[in-house]
């Protein structure tokens, strides 16, 4: 992880400055503006405004029609495009040669990144052992992630105990401090440290599937713990205790407080298997033969998921038009395992992300990707299409924000992670037309759990694609391995957790 500060403003190139030309250009720009007097000189909203707007609307037949239709209906269902639904068929000419199952369901939790990861990783083990159905334990990874995020937060509170309690960094870190969400490098940290287990070995619990009650309790306790550590730090430094002793004392106190967090988590989620201790897994394959496996969770990962493409050797390509392409980026203070692998992104054009997806699918590899799933998508039909809803025609408006604009104005971010399992490529151009997406919202969403994503939607709302090093574009792999990452601030939208 580098320490170079982020910069979104390009360095200006040397040029001559002509004051007269500049004045003329500004004058010309002003002359094209239509300058009128406001109804409110102080900027307040008045009833005169409303009367004027209503008079205009009442004279417009189109406005009258949409008022009749839309006030009693969900605008998404009324404005859904019939032509988009017809065009977006679940037909693909390049697909994985093995079908996994069952369709997974994260239920009332934000664990999509863990489901997307395990949905990718189960492909090889199911194919190898000829399993009809199989799931890794998402709750196993969830447990270790939540425990580590708690430690990560308290460690950051120790590191920045000298900052005012209302400092922007402190308030940001204390916001959604142990989010259910995460990023690719964060799940790699978990797999590397704790391995993987089948779901039957560590099954779902009420609070892994319904995480909000547990999250509320943990957040409340952790914020309380943070204040205790800040108070202790102030007392110790006020007494002029040596800094090494201050840090040792604070960390000892933190470990004492973390015991409370551990007890809450094991009571609500169950005690997870030890990463280095023996477990037993029994299964039935498609030939109705009973199989048995013994070993530790870390052994389980090593045996079944380290080849041919280990997640430990995969990295994230992103498309962030705000920032320079062919550069490595990271987000300050973002992580789960203290001292673990940092979250790193190689920024590149959307076309490179799409070409990578096609290459992976043709190589028989499912694709982890991050996107903003809430934009122009429908959960019932499972369609993700920029033309799905005709808002512009109905309201006589234009939606003009670019992808970069959406990021700059907090209109969009990575909100969800899923898996691409097939792609339809145009036979004439060789370019992708649509993608088959495996979601983790159960069989009732989309077409039995699967969505269809158009190429245009990919350009606008897909931000991340994870690629094994062996299949990555060489020039982008060089960027990744070159290090020297640009550091984005903790609140940057690229720090959003899917």
Foldseek 3Di string as FASTA:
>chain_A
DFDFADDLDDDDDDDDDDPVVVVVVVVVVVVPDDDDDDPDPVPDDDVVVVVVVVVVLVVDVLSVVCVVPPPVDDQLVVQFDPVQLVPQDPDFPFFFPDDADDQFALAQAQQQVLQQVQVQQVVQVCVVQQARYFTWASLLLLLQLQLLLLVLLLVVLLVPLVDDCPPPVNVVCLPQSRGSFADLQQSVQSCQVQAIGTCVQQPFFPCSSNVVVVSVVSSVLSVVLSVVLSVQLCVCVVVVHDPVVNVVVSVVSVVVSSVVVVVSSCVGRNDHFGQFDKDKDWDAHPVRDIDIDIGGNSVVCVVRACPDFHSNQKAKEWEAVSDDAQAKAFAPSFHRHVVGDGRIYHYHALQQVQVLCVLQSNVNGKKKFFWFQVACADFQAQERDNSRGDPCVSVVHDDDQALNNCQVVVVAAGSRMWIWGGFHADPVPRGTAKTKIAGNNALNTHPGRIHIYGPVSSNRIITIIMDRLVSHDPSSSCNVVVDNHHYYYNPRRNSDGD
